[in-house]
N, C-alpha and C. Protein backbone atom coordinates (compact mmCIF):
# COMPACT_ATOMS: atom_id res chain seq x y z
N MET A 1 235.04 -55.46 114.71
CA MET A 1 233.80 -56.12 114.33
C MET A 1 233.23 -55.41 113.11
N PRO A 2 233.02 -56.11 112.00
CA PRO A 2 232.46 -55.48 110.81
C PRO A 2 231.06 -54.94 111.06
N ALA A 3 230.63 -54.01 110.19
CA ALA A 3 229.35 -53.34 110.36
C ALA A 3 228.18 -54.32 110.43
N SER A 4 228.19 -55.38 109.63
CA SER A 4 227.07 -56.33 109.64
C SER A 4 227.00 -57.06 110.98
N GLU A 5 228.15 -57.34 111.58
CA GLU A 5 228.16 -57.98 112.90
C GLU A 5 227.65 -57.01 113.96
N ASP A 6 228.02 -55.72 113.83
CA ASP A 6 227.51 -54.70 114.74
C ASP A 6 226.00 -54.61 114.64
N TYR A 7 225.51 -54.62 113.41
CA TYR A 7 224.06 -54.55 113.17
C TYR A 7 223.36 -55.76 113.79
N GLN A 8 223.91 -56.95 113.56
CA GLN A 8 223.30 -58.17 114.10
C GLN A 8 223.31 -58.15 115.63
N ALA A 9 224.39 -57.67 116.20
CA ALA A 9 224.47 -57.58 117.67
C ALA A 9 223.42 -56.61 118.20
N GLU A 10 223.24 -55.48 117.51
CA GLU A 10 222.23 -54.49 117.91
C GLU A 10 220.83 -55.08 117.81
N VAL A 11 220.55 -55.79 116.72
CA VAL A 11 219.24 -56.43 116.55
C VAL A 11 219.01 -57.45 117.66
N GLU A 12 220.02 -58.23 117.97
CA GLU A 12 219.89 -59.25 119.02
C GLU A 12 219.61 -58.60 120.37
N GLN A 13 220.27 -57.49 120.67
CA GLN A 13 220.02 -56.76 121.92
C GLN A 13 218.57 -56.26 121.96
N ARG A 14 218.09 -55.78 120.84
CA ARG A 14 216.72 -55.28 120.78
C ARG A 14 215.72 -56.42 120.96
N VAL A 15 215.97 -57.54 120.31
CA VAL A 15 215.10 -58.71 120.45
C VAL A 15 215.08 -59.16 121.92
N ASN A 16 216.24 -59.18 122.56
CA ASN A 16 216.30 -59.54 123.97
C ASN A 16 215.52 -58.56 124.84
N ARG A 17 215.59 -57.29 124.52
CA ARG A 17 214.83 -56.26 125.27
C ARG A 17 213.33 -56.48 125.09
N VAL A 18 212.91 -56.79 123.88
CA VAL A 18 211.49 -57.07 123.62
C VAL A 18 211.07 -58.33 124.38
N ALA A 19 211.91 -59.35 124.40
CA ALA A 19 211.60 -60.59 125.12
C ALA A 19 211.43 -60.30 126.61
N ARG A 20 212.30 -59.46 127.18
CA ARG A 20 212.17 -59.11 128.60
C ARG A 20 210.86 -58.38 128.87
N LEU A 21 210.48 -57.50 127.95
CA LEU A 21 209.23 -56.76 128.11
C LEU A 21 208.05 -57.72 128.11
N ILE A 22 208.04 -58.67 127.19
CA ILE A 22 206.96 -59.66 127.11
C ILE A 22 206.97 -60.54 128.38
N ALA A 23 208.14 -60.98 128.80
CA ALA A 23 208.24 -61.83 129.99
C ALA A 23 207.76 -61.10 131.25
N ASN A 24 207.83 -59.78 131.24
CA ASN A 24 207.37 -58.98 132.38
C ASN A 24 205.92 -58.52 132.22
N GLY A 25 205.20 -59.13 131.26
CA GLY A 25 203.78 -58.84 131.12
C GLY A 25 203.43 -57.83 130.04
N GLY A 26 204.41 -57.38 129.28
CA GLY A 26 204.13 -56.42 128.23
C GLY A 26 203.27 -57.01 127.11
N ARG A 27 202.48 -56.17 126.50
CA ARG A 27 201.63 -56.58 125.38
C ARG A 27 202.22 -56.06 124.07
N ARG A 28 201.60 -56.47 122.97
CA ARG A 28 202.07 -56.01 121.66
C ARG A 28 202.10 -54.49 121.62
N SER A 29 201.06 -53.86 122.14
CA SER A 29 201.01 -52.39 122.11
C SER A 29 202.18 -51.78 122.89
N ASP A 30 202.58 -52.43 123.98
CA ASP A 30 203.74 -51.95 124.75
C ASP A 30 205.03 -52.08 123.94
N VAL A 31 205.14 -53.20 123.21
CA VAL A 31 206.32 -53.42 122.37
C VAL A 31 206.36 -52.37 121.26
N LEU A 32 205.22 -52.13 120.60
CA LEU A 32 205.18 -51.14 119.52
C LEU A 32 205.58 -49.76 120.03
N GLN A 33 205.06 -49.41 121.20
CA GLN A 33 205.38 -48.11 121.79
C GLN A 33 206.87 -48.00 122.12
N MET A 34 207.42 -49.04 122.77
CA MET A 34 208.83 -49.02 123.14
C MET A 34 209.71 -48.91 121.89
N CYS A 35 209.41 -49.72 120.89
CA CYS A 35 210.22 -49.71 119.67
C CYS A 35 210.16 -48.36 118.96
N ALA A 36 209.01 -47.74 118.96
CA ALA A 36 208.87 -46.41 118.33
C ALA A 36 209.66 -45.37 119.12
N GLU A 37 209.50 -45.39 120.45
CA GLU A 37 210.14 -44.37 121.28
C GLU A 37 211.65 -44.56 121.40
N LYS A 38 212.10 -45.79 121.60
CA LYS A 38 213.53 -46.06 121.82
C LYS A 38 214.34 -46.06 120.54
N TRP A 39 213.76 -46.65 119.48
CA TRP A 39 214.55 -46.90 118.28
C TRP A 39 213.94 -46.30 117.02
N GLY A 40 212.82 -45.62 117.13
CA GLY A 40 212.19 -44.98 115.98
C GLY A 40 211.66 -45.96 114.94
N LEU A 41 211.23 -47.14 115.40
CA LEU A 41 210.78 -48.18 114.48
C LEU A 41 209.29 -48.09 114.20
N LYS A 42 208.93 -48.49 113.00
CA LYS A 42 207.52 -48.61 112.62
C LYS A 42 206.98 -49.94 113.14
N ASP A 43 205.65 -50.07 113.12
CA ASP A 43 205.00 -51.28 113.62
C ASP A 43 205.50 -52.55 112.93
N ARG A 44 205.72 -52.49 111.64
CA ARG A 44 206.13 -53.69 110.90
C ARG A 44 207.46 -54.24 111.42
N GLN A 45 208.44 -53.36 111.62
CA GLN A 45 209.74 -53.80 112.15
C GLN A 45 209.61 -54.28 113.59
N ALA A 46 208.81 -53.58 114.38
CA ALA A 46 208.59 -53.99 115.77
C ALA A 46 207.96 -55.38 115.82
N ASP A 47 207.03 -55.65 114.92
CA ASP A 47 206.41 -56.97 114.87
C ASP A 47 207.42 -58.06 114.54
N LEU A 48 208.42 -57.74 113.71
CA LEU A 48 209.47 -58.72 113.42
C LEU A 48 210.30 -59.01 114.68
N TYR A 49 210.61 -57.97 115.44
CA TYR A 49 211.33 -58.17 116.70
C TYR A 49 210.47 -58.99 117.66
N LEU A 50 209.18 -58.68 117.69
CA LEU A 50 208.26 -59.40 118.57
C LEU A 50 208.20 -60.88 118.20
N GLU A 51 208.16 -61.17 116.93
CA GLU A 51 208.14 -62.57 116.47
C GLU A 51 209.40 -63.31 116.91
N ARG A 52 210.55 -62.67 116.73
CA ARG A 52 211.81 -63.30 117.15
C ARG A 52 211.88 -63.46 118.66
N ALA A 53 211.39 -62.47 119.38
CA ALA A 53 211.40 -62.54 120.85
C ALA A 53 210.51 -63.68 121.34
N ARG A 54 209.34 -63.84 120.73
CA ARG A 54 208.44 -64.92 121.13
C ARG A 54 209.05 -66.29 120.84
N LYS A 55 209.75 -66.42 119.73
CA LYS A 55 210.43 -67.69 119.43
C LYS A 55 211.49 -67.98 120.49
N LYS A 56 212.20 -66.93 120.89
CA LYS A 56 213.25 -67.08 121.91
C LYS A 56 212.64 -67.52 123.24
N LEU A 57 211.53 -66.91 123.63
CA LEU A 57 210.87 -67.28 124.87
C LEU A 57 210.33 -68.71 124.81
N LYS A 58 209.77 -69.07 123.68
CA LYS A 58 209.24 -70.43 123.51
C LYS A 58 210.37 -71.45 123.63
N ALA A 59 211.51 -71.16 123.04
CA ALA A 59 212.65 -72.08 123.09
C ALA A 59 213.12 -72.31 124.52
N ASP A 60 212.98 -71.29 125.36
CA ASP A 60 213.38 -71.43 126.76
C ASP A 60 212.59 -72.52 127.48
N PHE A 61 211.38 -72.78 127.02
CA PHE A 61 210.51 -73.72 127.72
C PHE A 61 210.29 -75.01 126.94
N GLU A 62 211.03 -75.22 125.89
CA GLU A 62 210.93 -76.46 125.13
C GLU A 62 211.91 -77.48 125.71
N ILE A 63 211.67 -77.81 126.96
CA ILE A 63 212.46 -78.83 127.63
C ILE A 63 211.50 -79.91 128.10
N ASP A 64 212.03 -81.07 128.40
CA ASP A 64 211.13 -82.14 128.79
C ASP A 64 210.59 -81.90 130.20
N ARG A 65 209.47 -82.52 130.49
CA ARG A 65 208.77 -82.29 131.75
C ARG A 65 209.64 -82.62 132.99
N PRO A 66 210.37 -83.72 133.00
CA PRO A 66 211.21 -83.98 134.19
C PRO A 66 212.22 -82.86 134.45
N GLN A 67 212.80 -82.31 133.38
CA GLN A 67 213.75 -81.21 133.56
C GLN A 67 213.05 -79.97 134.07
N MET A 68 211.88 -79.68 133.53
CA MET A 68 211.10 -78.52 133.98
C MET A 68 210.75 -78.68 135.46
N LEU A 69 210.32 -79.88 135.85
CA LEU A 69 209.99 -80.13 137.25
C LEU A 69 211.22 -79.93 138.14
N ALA A 70 212.35 -80.45 137.72
CA ALA A 70 213.58 -80.28 138.50
C ALA A 70 213.94 -78.80 138.65
N ASP A 71 213.82 -78.04 137.57
CA ASP A 71 214.12 -76.61 137.62
C ASP A 71 213.19 -75.89 138.60
N LEU A 72 211.89 -76.20 138.52
CA LEU A 72 210.93 -75.55 139.40
C LEU A 72 211.15 -75.92 140.86
N LEU A 73 211.43 -77.20 141.11
CA LEU A 73 211.68 -77.62 142.49
C LEU A 73 212.93 -76.96 143.06
N ALA A 74 213.95 -76.80 142.25
CA ALA A 74 215.16 -76.11 142.70
C ALA A 74 214.86 -74.66 143.06
N GLN A 75 214.05 -74.00 142.23
CA GLN A 75 213.68 -72.62 142.51
C GLN A 75 212.85 -72.53 143.79
N LEU A 76 211.91 -73.45 143.96
CA LEU A 76 211.09 -73.45 145.17
C LEU A 76 211.93 -73.70 146.41
N SER A 77 212.91 -74.56 146.31
CA SER A 77 213.80 -74.83 147.44
C SER A 77 214.56 -73.57 147.84
N THR A 78 215.03 -72.85 146.86
CA THR A 78 215.75 -71.60 147.12
C THR A 78 214.83 -70.57 147.78
N ILE A 79 213.61 -70.45 147.26
CA ILE A 79 212.63 -69.52 147.83
C ILE A 79 212.32 -69.90 149.28
N GLN A 80 212.10 -71.18 149.50
CA GLN A 80 211.75 -71.66 150.84
C GLN A 80 212.88 -71.37 151.83
N MET A 81 214.12 -71.65 151.43
CA MET A 81 215.26 -71.40 152.33
C MET A 81 215.42 -69.91 152.63
N GLU A 82 215.30 -69.08 151.59
CA GLU A 82 215.43 -67.64 151.79
C GLU A 82 214.30 -67.10 152.66
N ALA A 83 213.10 -67.62 152.46
CA ALA A 83 211.96 -67.19 153.27
C ALA A 83 212.16 -67.55 154.74
N ARG A 84 212.66 -68.74 154.99
CA ARG A 84 212.94 -69.14 156.39
C ARG A 84 214.01 -68.23 157.00
N ARG A 85 215.05 -67.98 156.20
CA ARG A 85 216.16 -67.15 156.69
C ARG A 85 215.68 -65.75 157.07
N SER A 86 214.72 -65.23 156.30
CA SER A 86 214.25 -63.86 156.57
C SER A 86 213.00 -63.84 157.45
N GLY A 87 212.59 -65.02 157.96
CA GLY A 87 211.47 -65.07 158.89
C GLY A 87 210.10 -65.01 158.25
N ASN A 88 210.01 -65.21 156.95
CA ASN A 88 208.73 -65.22 156.24
C ASN A 88 208.20 -66.65 156.15
N LEU A 89 207.70 -67.14 157.26
CA LEU A 89 207.29 -68.54 157.32
C LEU A 89 206.09 -68.85 156.43
N ASN A 90 205.20 -67.88 156.22
CA ASN A 90 204.08 -68.11 155.30
C ASN A 90 204.57 -68.35 153.87
N ILE A 91 205.58 -67.60 153.47
CA ILE A 91 206.16 -67.78 152.15
C ILE A 91 206.85 -69.14 152.07
N ALA A 92 207.58 -69.49 153.11
CA ALA A 92 208.25 -70.80 153.15
C ALA A 92 207.24 -71.93 153.04
N LEU A 93 206.14 -71.82 153.80
CA LEU A 93 205.11 -72.84 153.75
C LEU A 93 204.47 -72.91 152.36
N GLY A 94 204.27 -71.77 151.73
CA GLY A 94 203.72 -71.75 150.37
C GLY A 94 204.64 -72.46 149.40
N ALA A 95 205.93 -72.26 149.54
CA ALA A 95 206.90 -72.92 148.66
C ALA A 95 206.89 -74.43 148.87
N VAL A 96 206.81 -74.84 150.14
CA VAL A 96 206.75 -76.28 150.46
C VAL A 96 205.47 -76.89 149.88
N ASN A 97 204.35 -76.21 150.07
CA ASN A 97 203.08 -76.71 149.54
C ASN A 97 203.09 -76.81 148.01
N THR A 98 203.64 -75.82 147.37
CA THR A 98 203.72 -75.84 145.91
C THR A 98 204.60 -76.99 145.44
N ALA A 99 205.71 -77.21 146.11
CA ALA A 99 206.59 -78.33 145.75
C ALA A 99 205.85 -79.66 145.92
N ALA A 100 205.08 -79.78 147.00
CA ALA A 100 204.31 -81.01 147.22
C ALA A 100 203.28 -81.22 146.13
N LYS A 101 202.63 -80.15 145.68
CA LYS A 101 201.66 -80.26 144.60
C LYS A 101 202.34 -80.66 143.29
N LEU A 102 203.48 -80.05 143.00
CA LEU A 102 204.19 -80.36 141.77
C LEU A 102 204.64 -81.83 141.72
N THR A 103 205.00 -82.35 142.88
CA THR A 103 205.44 -83.74 142.93
C THR A 103 204.28 -84.69 143.21
N GLN A 104 203.09 -84.13 143.29
CA GLN A 104 201.85 -84.88 143.50
C GLN A 104 201.85 -85.67 144.81
N LEU A 105 202.51 -85.09 145.82
CA LEU A 105 202.48 -85.69 147.14
C LEU A 105 201.16 -85.39 147.83
N CYS A 106 200.50 -84.30 147.38
CA CYS A 106 199.17 -83.98 147.87
C CYS A 106 198.45 -83.21 146.77
N SER A 107 197.16 -83.06 146.91
CA SER A 107 196.40 -82.37 145.85
C SER A 107 196.12 -80.93 146.21
C-alpha cells in the first residue's frame, strides 16, 4: 500500500474514532482533548476530523422514514425478545410500548 493510501487509511480510522466519541455523547472539547493526547493534533486539525465525523454520522441517518421505522422496530423486537429471555419483563414491556407508539397504535 503506497504511503498516501496508508495516510488516508489512518485519517479514516481517526475520523471513525471521532465519530464513535460523538455518538457516545462526546463534545467538541472531548474531541479536541482526545486528538491532542492520542495524535498530537492542534484544534484546527481536530475540527477537520470533527467535521468529517459529523458528516459520516449524518449520512447514517439520511434514510427515508419507512426504512428508519423498520430498523427501529427490528431493534425493539430484538430487545424485547432478549429481555423476555433474561426475565426482564419491565424492559420487554417498555420495548413493546415503544413499538406501539412508533407505529401509532397508541399514544
